[in-house]
Amino acid sequence: MKKDEFIERLKCNKLIAAVKEEKHIEKAINKNLSGVFLLTGNIGVIKRYVDFYRSHDMFVFVHIEKIGGISFDKEGLEFVANYVKPDGVITTKNNLIKIAKKFDILTIQRCFMIDTDALKKTIEISKEAQPDFIELMPALMPDVIYEFTKNAKELVISGGLIKTSEHMINALLSGAIAVSTGDPKLWDINISKMLEDVSQWKNRK
């Protein structure tokens, strides 16, 4: 299954590039990355971007609400699934998660943790919509990541406001399976190796 393949890739490379600008498209071809979240483009170019990453054996997800000219409905998702053909889609809308699952593509629900109510609602949404993954934002909240992973079965990807490798490590140590960042300077970091070194150091203490 494609989900199992992606999980195995995440176990080896825990960093995902969130590509927000066209000028960063080629920068995201990197051995330290497990995949790409596309948050740029429009209906005229998005298939070319997806094909580019697929040709480099990278998992690629399209943020449906960030791509110009694609409607946020069944027809829009059908176009993405059958013509653009990414590995999956990202959305903040739980109704789109339910529709996308019918087209046999992976789903990531992006959720913003602004307060305790948002955390509770996200746990409820995950149980109802059952996305393949949850992306919790911002990543600078390890306690919230830990709380969510205790109360929901979905694997967590965390992103947003990441500025340093320490931010990424903290999110991973709190239970996230991977982190996403839009900062190309961080894409070269072998965060999986750093995490392994930190874990070994903690075990020796």
C-alpha atoms as a PDB file:
ATOM      1  CA  MET A   1       0.000   0.000   0.000  1.00  0.00           C
ATOM      2  CA  LYS A   2       1.152   3.537  -0.769  1.00  0.00           C
ATOM      3  CA  LYS A   3       0.503   4.631   2.820  1.00  0.00           C
ATOM      4  CA  ASP A   4       2.817   1.927   4.141  1.00  0.00           C
ATOM      5  CA  GLU A   5       5.481   2.960   1.633  1.00  0.00           C
ATOM      6  CA  PHE A   6       5.238   6.580   2.742  1.00  0.00           C
ATOM      7  CA  ILE A   7       5.458   5.629   6.414  1.00  0.00           C
ATOM      8  CA  GLU A   8       8.598   3.587   5.719  1.00  0.00           C
ATOM      9  CA  ARG A   9      10.084   6.574   3.882  1.00  0.00           C
ATOM     10  CA  LEU A  10       9.236   8.834   6.835  1.00  0.00           C
ATOM     11  CA  LYS A  11      10.967   6.476   9.232  1.00  0.00           C
ATOM     12  CA  CYS A  12      14.199   6.928   7.265  1.00  0.00           C
ATOM     13  CA  ASN A  13      13.841  10.607   6.306  1.00  0.00           C
ATOM     14  CA  LYS A  14      11.749  12.566   8.772  1.00  0.00           C
ATOM     15  CA  LEU A  15      11.842  15.883   6.924  1.00  0.00           C
ATOM     16  CA  ILE A  16       9.308  17.090   4.338  1.00  0.00           C
ATOM     17  CA  ALA A  17       9.744  20.179   2.161  1.00  0.00           C
ATOM     18  CA  ALA A  18       6.762  22.534   2.148  1.00  0.00           C
ATOM     19  CA  VAL A  19       7.300  24.240  -1.204  1.00  0.00           C
ATOM     20  CA  LYS A  20       5.629  27.660  -1.141  1.00  0.00           C
ATOM     21  CA  GLU A  21       7.397  29.391  -4.024  1.00  0.00           C
ATOM     22  CA  GLU A  22       8.096  28.346  -7.609  1.00  0.00           C
ATOM     23  CA  LYS A  23      11.776  29.272  -7.254  1.00  0.00           C
ATOM     24  CA  HIS A  24      12.159  26.536  -4.627  1.00  0.00           C
ATOM     25  CA  ILE A  25      10.762  23.712  -6.790  1.00  0.00           C
ATOM     26  CA  GLU A  26      14.160  22.259  -7.715  1.00  0.00           C
ATOM     27  CA  LYS A  27      15.710  22.937  -4.286  1.00  0.00           C
ATOM     28  CA  ALA A  28      13.430  20.273  -2.835  1.00  0.00           C
ATOM     29  CA  ILE A  29      15.224  17.495  -4.702  1.00  0.00           C
ATOM     30  CA  ASN A  30      17.248  16.393  -1.712  1.00  0.00           C
ATOM     31  CA  LYS A  31      18.320  13.042  -0.268  1.00  0.00           C
ATOM     32  CA  ASN A  32      17.351  14.167   3.254  1.00  0.00           C
ATOM     33  CA  LEU A  33      13.698  14.696   2.283  1.00  0.00           C
ATOM     34  CA  SER A  34      11.008  12.025   2.283  1.00  0.00           C
ATOM     35  CA  GLY A  35       8.584  14.061   0.244  1.00  0.00           C
ATOM     36  CA  VAL A  36       7.112  17.390  -0.755  1.00  0.00           C
ATOM     37  CA  PHE A  37       4.040  19.380   0.203  1.00  0.00           C
ATOM     38  CA  LEU A  38       3.130  21.599  -2.760  1.00  0.00           C
ATOM     39  CA  LEU A  39       1.635  24.911  -1.642  1.00  0.00           C
ATOM     40  CA  THR A  40       2.285  26.813  -4.860  1.00  0.00           C
ATOM     41  CA  GLY A  41       1.111  26.691  -8.456  1.00  0.00           C
ATOM     42  CA  ASN A  42      -2.139  26.748 -10.348  1.00  0.00           C
ATOM     43  CA  ILE A  43      -4.280  24.481 -12.463  1.00  0.00           C
ATOM     44  CA  GLY A  44      -2.018  25.072 -15.477  1.00  0.00           C
ATOM     45  CA  VAL A  45       1.298  24.024 -13.922  1.00  0.00           C
ATOM     46  CA  ILE A  46       0.518  21.757 -10.992  1.00  0.00           C
ATOM     47  CA  LYS A  47       0.691  18.506 -12.984  1.00  0.00           C
ATOM     48  CA  ARG A  48       4.148  19.465 -14.275  1.00  0.00           C
ATOM     49  CA  TYR A  49       5.329  20.067 -10.698  1.00  0.00           C
ATOM     50  CA  VAL A  50       3.913  16.762  -9.518  1.00  0.00           C
ATOM     51  CA  ASP A  51       5.426  14.855 -12.435  1.00  0.00           C
ATOM     52  CA  PHE A  52       8.796  16.477 -11.713  1.00  0.00           C
ATOM     53  CA  TYR A  53       8.873  15.172  -8.145  1.00  0.00           C
ATOM     54  CA  ARG A  54       7.478  11.780  -9.076  1.00  0.00           C
ATOM     55  CA  SER A  55      10.269  11.409 -11.670  1.00  0.00           C
ATOM     56  CA  HIS A  56      12.735  11.835  -8.779  1.00  0.00           C
ATOM     57  CA  ASP A  57      10.972   9.135  -6.731  1.00  0.00           C
ATOM     58  CA  MET A  58       9.622  11.595  -4.170  1.00  0.00           C
ATOM     59  CA  PHE A  59       6.241  11.442  -2.504  1.00  0.00           C
ATOM     60  CA  VAL A  60       4.280  14.565  -3.379  1.00  0.00           C
ATOM     61  CA  PHE A  61       1.141  15.996  -1.794  1.00  0.00           C
ATOM     62  CA  VAL A  62      -0.926  18.875  -3.176  1.00  0.00           C
ATOM     63  CA  HIS A  63      -2.507  21.365  -0.770  1.00  0.00           C
ATOM     64  CA  ILE A  64      -5.845  21.639  -2.507  1.00  0.00           C
ATOM     65  CA  GLU A  65      -6.702  25.099  -1.134  1.00  0.00           C
ATOM     66  CA  LYS A  66      -3.378  26.625  -2.188  1.00  0.00           C
ATOM     67  CA  ILE A  67      -3.550  25.755  -5.894  1.00  0.00           C
ATOM     68  CA  GLY A  68      -5.204  28.414  -8.017  1.00  0.00           C
ATOM     69  CA  GLY A  69      -8.073  27.415 -10.296  1.00  0.00           C
ATOM     70  CA  ILE A  70      -8.985  24.141  -8.563  1.00  0.00           C
ATOM     71  CA  SER A  71     -12.393  24.021  -6.907  1.00  0.00           C
ATOM     72  CA  PHE A  72     -12.797  22.748  -3.350  1.00  0.00           C
ATOM     73  CA  ASP A  73     -15.357  20.079  -4.224  1.00  0.00           C
ATOM     74  CA  LYS A  74     -15.807  16.585  -5.676  1.00  0.00           C
ATOM     75  CA  GLU A  75     -14.999  17.756  -9.207  1.00  0.00           C
ATOM     76  CA  GLY A  76     -11.814  19.507  -8.084  1.00  0.00           C
ATOM     77  CA  LEU A  77     -10.600  16.456  -6.199  1.00  0.00           C
ATOM     78  CA  GLU A  78     -11.491  14.173  -9.092  1.00  0.00           C
ATOM     79  CA  PHE A  79      -9.377  16.367 -11.394  1.00  0.00           C
ATOM     80  CA  VAL A  80      -6.446  16.227  -8.968  1.00  0.00           C
ATOM     81  CA  ALA A  81      -6.699  12.480  -8.399  1.00  0.00           C
ATOM     82  CA  ASN A  82      -7.193  11.413 -12.020  1.00  0.00           C
ATOM     83  CA  TYR A  83      -5.198  14.026 -13.964  1.00  0.00           C
ATOM     84  CA  VAL A  84      -2.615  15.621 -11.651  1.00  0.00           C
ATOM     85  CA  LYS A  85      -2.017  12.282  -9.868  1.00  0.00           C
ATOM     86  CA  PRO A  86      -0.132  13.251  -6.700  1.00  0.00           C
ATOM     87  CA  ASP A  87       0.364  10.669  -3.972  1.00  0.00           C
ATOM     88  CA  GLY A  88      -2.105  12.582  -1.858  1.00  0.00           C
ATOM     89  CA  VAL A  89      -3.769  15.836  -0.912  1.00  0.00           C
ATOM     90  CA  ILE A  90      -3.596  18.199   2.049  1.00  0.00           C
ATOM     91  CA  THR A  91      -6.614  20.166   3.211  1.00  0.00           C
ATOM     92  CA  THR A  92      -7.979  21.957   6.249  1.00  0.00           C
ATOM     93  CA  LYS A  93     -11.517  20.845   5.371  1.00  0.00           C
ATOM     94  CA  ASN A  94     -12.720  17.542   6.789  1.00  0.00           C
ATOM     95  CA  ASN A  95     -15.450  17.197   4.115  1.00  0.00           C
ATOM     96  CA  LEU A  96     -12.719  17.184   1.438  1.00  0.00           C
ATOM     97  CA  ILE A  97     -10.894  14.431   3.326  1.00  0.00           C
ATOM     98  CA  LYS A  98     -13.984  12.237   3.046  1.00  0.00           C
ATOM     99  CA  ILE A  99     -14.317  12.939  -0.688  1.00  0.00           C
ATOM    100  CA  ALA A 100     -10.615  12.422  -1.411  1.00  0.00           C
ATOM    101  CA  LYS A 101     -10.611   9.009   0.258  1.00  0.00           C
ATOM    102  CA  LYS A 102     -13.079   7.833  -2.401  1.00  0.00           C
ATOM    103  CA  PHE A 103     -10.468   8.523  -5.086  1.00  0.00           C
ATOM    104  CA  ASP A 104      -7.886   6.252  -3.454  1.00  0.00           C
ATOM    105  CA  ILE A 105      -5.285   8.924  -2.707  1.00  0.00           C
ATOM    106  CA  LEU A 106      -3.597   9.639   0.608  1.00  0.00           C
ATOM    107  CA  THR A 107      -5.086  12.351   2.789  1.00  0.00           C
ATOM    108  CA  ILE A 108      -3.495  14.785   5.228  1.00  0.00           C
ATOM    109  CA  GLN A 109      -5.668  17.003   7.402  1.00  0.00           C
ATOM    110  CA  ARG A 110      -3.930  20.260   8.324  1.00  0.00           C
ATOM    111  CA  CYS A 111      -5.035  21.609  11.712  1.00  0.00           C
ATOM    112  CA  PHE A 112      -4.066  24.768  13.586  1.00  0.00           C
ATOM    113  CA  MET A 113      -3.751  24.427  17.355  1.00  0.00           C
ATOM    114  CA  ILE A 114      -4.757  27.872  18.578  1.00  0.00           C
ATOM    115  CA  ASP A 115      -6.226  26.789  21.935  1.00  0.00           C
ATOM    116  CA  THR A 116      -7.503  23.825  23.958  1.00  0.00           C
ATOM    117  CA  ASP A 117     -10.819  23.808  22.101  1.00  0.00           C
ATOM    118  CA  ALA A 118      -8.969  23.489  18.801  1.00  0.00           C
ATOM    119  CA  LEU A 119      -7.110  20.447  20.146  1.00  0.00           C
ATOM    120  CA  LYS A 120     -10.348  18.784  21.257  1.00  0.00           C
ATOM    121  CA  LYS A 121     -12.023  19.560  17.931  1.00  0.00           C
ATOM    122  CA  THR A 122      -9.072  18.151  15.983  1.00  0.00           C
ATOM    123  CA  ILE A 123      -9.256  14.883  17.917  1.00  0.00           C
ATOM    124  CA  GLU A 124     -12.993  14.705  17.125  1.00  0.00           C
ATOM    125  CA  ILE A 125     -12.414  15.515  13.437  1.00  0.00           C
ATOM    126  CA  SER A 126      -9.746  12.846  13.148  1.00  0.00           C
ATOM    127  CA  LYS A 127     -12.157  10.226  14.450  1.00  0.00           C
ATOM    128  CA  GLU A 128     -14.905  11.366  12.084  1.00  0.00           C
ATOM    129  CA  ALA A 129     -12.988  12.004   8.831  1.00  0.00           C
ATOM    130  CA  GLN A 130     -10.185   9.464   9.471  1.00  0.00           C
ATOM    131  CA  PRO A 131      -7.447  11.062   7.352  1.00  0.00           C
ATOM    132  CA  ASP A 132      -4.296   9.051   6.752  1.00  0.00           C
ATOM    133  CA  PHE A 133      -2.212  11.683   8.554  1.00  0.00           C
ATOM    134  CA  ILE A 134      -2.747  14.805  10.642  1.00  0.00           C
ATOM    135  CA  GLU A 135      -0.510  17.831  10.197  1.00  0.00           C
ATOM    136  CA  LEU A 136      -0.475  19.820  13.444  1.00  0.00           C
ATOM    137  CA  MET A 137       0.562  23.465  13.258  1.00  0.00           C
ATOM    138  CA  PRO A 138       2.520  25.239  14.537  1.00  0.00           C
ATOM    139  CA  ALA A 139       5.287  22.791  15.371  1.00  0.00           C
ATOM    140  CA  LEU A 140       6.524  24.783  18.389  1.00  0.00           C
ATOM    141  CA  MET A 141       4.181  23.047  20.825  1.00  0.00           C
ATOM    142  CA  PRO A 142       5.623  19.682  21.866  1.00  0.00           C
ATOM    143  CA  ASP A 143       3.156  19.267  24.739  1.00  0.00           C
ATOM    144  CA  VAL A 144       0.209  19.563  22.345  1.00  0.00           C
ATOM    145  CA  ILE A 145       1.770  17.099  19.897  1.00  0.00           C
ATOM    146  CA  TYR A 146       2.245  14.644  22.761  1.00  0.00           C
ATOM    147  CA  GLU A 147      -1.346  15.141  23.958  1.00  0.00           C
ATOM    148  CA  PHE A 148      -2.755  14.563  20.491  1.00  0.00           C
ATOM    149  CA  THR A 149      -0.736  11.417  19.829  1.00  0.00           C
ATOM    150  CA  LYS A 150      -2.043   9.974  23.114  1.00  0.00           C
ATOM    151  CA  ASN A 151      -5.664  10.543  22.098  1.00  0.00           C
ATOM    152  CA  ALA A 152      -5.775   9.852  18.362  1.00  0.00           C
ATOM    153  CA  LYS A 153      -4.606   7.003  16.147  1.00  0.00           C
ATOM    154  CA  GLU A 154      -3.492   9.087  13.148  1.00  0.00           C
ATOM    155  CA  LEU A 155       0.206   9.614  12.559  1.00  0.00           C
ATOM    156  CA  VAL A 156       1.236  13.211  13.144  1.00  0.00           C
ATOM    157  CA  ILE A 157       3.306  15.423  10.857  1.00  0.00           C
ATOM    158  CA  SER A 158       4.115  18.770  12.423  1.00  0.00           C
ATOM    159  CA  GLY A 159       5.006  22.044  10.732  1.00  0.00           C
ATOM    160  CA  GLY A 160       4.822  25.799  10.965  1.00  0.00           C
ATOM    161  CA  LEU A 161       7.179  28.392  12.508  1.00  0.00           C
ATOM    162  CA  ILE A 162      10.142  25.994  12.354  1.00  0.00           C
ATOM    163  CA  LYS A 163      13.373  27.988  12.328  1.00  0.00           C
ATOM    164  CA  THR A 164      16.016  25.599  13.698  1.00  0.00           C
ATOM    165  CA  SER A 165      16.935  21.930  13.863  1.00  0.00           C
ATOM    166  CA  GLU A 166      16.111  22.056  17.587  1.00  0.00           C
ATOM    167  CA  HIS A 167      12.509  22.946  16.761  1.00  0.00           C
ATOM    168  CA  MET A 168      12.308  19.884  14.515  1.00  0.00           C
ATOM    169  CA  ILE A 169      13.927  17.564  17.062  1.00  0.00           C
ATOM    170  CA  ASN A 170      11.529  18.709  19.809  1.00  0.00           C
ATOM    171  CA  ALA A 171       8.512  17.979  17.603  1.00  0.00           C
ATOM    172  CA  LEU A 172       9.835  14.520  16.727  1.00  0.00           C
ATOM    173  CA  LEU A 173      10.677  13.660  20.331  1.00  0.00           C
ATOM    174  CA  SER A 174       7.107  14.613  21.276  1.00  0.00           C
ATOM    175  CA  GLY A 175       5.606  12.017  18.963  1.00  0.00           C
ATOM    176  CA  ALA A 176       5.494  13.459  15.431  1.00  0.00           C
ATOM    177  CA  ILE A 177       6.571  10.955  12.777  1.00  0.00           C
ATOM    178  CA  ALA A 178       7.932  13.775  10.601  1.00  0.00           C
ATOM    179  CA  VAL A 179       8.184  17.545  10.316  1.00  0.00           C
ATOM    180  CA  SER A 180       7.478  19.831   7.373  1.00  0.00           C
ATOM    181  CA  THR A 181       9.172  23.147   6.789  1.00  0.00           C
ATOM    182  CA  GLY A 182       9.077  25.797   4.100  1.00  0.00           C
ATOM    183  CA  ASP A 183      12.600  27.023   4.869  1.00  0.00           C
ATOM    184  CA  PRO A 184      14.942  25.698   2.129  1.00  0.00           C
ATOM    185  CA  LYS A 185      17.961  26.266   4.391  1.00  0.00           C
ATOM    186  CA  LEU A 186      16.709  23.454   6.619  1.00  0.00           C
ATOM    187  CA  TRP A 187      16.110  20.952   3.812  1.00  0.00           C
ATOM    188  CA  ASP A 188      19.781  19.964   3.756  1.00  0.00           C
ATOM    189  CA  ILE A 189      19.783  18.896   7.404  1.00  0.00           C
ATOM    190  CA  ASN A 190      19.863  15.155   8.051  1.00  0.00           C
ATOM    191  CA  ILE A 191      17.316  15.425  10.836  1.00  0.00           C
ATOM    192  CA  SER A 192      16.902  11.638  11.085  1.00  0.00           C
ATOM    193  CA  LYS A 193      20.589  11.256  11.937  1.00  0.00           C
ATOM    194  CA  MET A 194      20.398  14.118  14.450  1.00  0.00           C
ATOM    195  CA  LEU A 195      17.387  12.506  16.101  1.00  0.00           C
ATOM    196  CA  GLU A 196      19.238   9.208  16.342  1.00  0.00           C
ATOM    197  CA  ASP A 197      22.223  10.929  17.967  1.00  0.00           C
ATOM    198  CA  VAL A 198      19.984  12.732  20.485  1.00  0.00           C
ATOM    199  CA  SER A 199      18.162   9.502  21.357  1.00  0.00           C
ATOM    200  CA  GLN A 200      21.430   7.649  21.902  1.00  0.00           C
ATOM    201  CA  TRP A 201      22.688  10.461  24.128  1.00  0.00           C
ATOM    202  CA  LYS A 202      19.508  10.377  26.225  1.00  0.00           C
ATOM    203  CA  ASN A 203      19.747   6.599  26.599  1.00  0.00           C
ATOM    204  CA  ARG A 204      23.310   6.920  27.945  1.00  0.00           C
ATOM    205  CA  LYS A 205      22.290   9.370  30.652  1.00  0.00           C
END
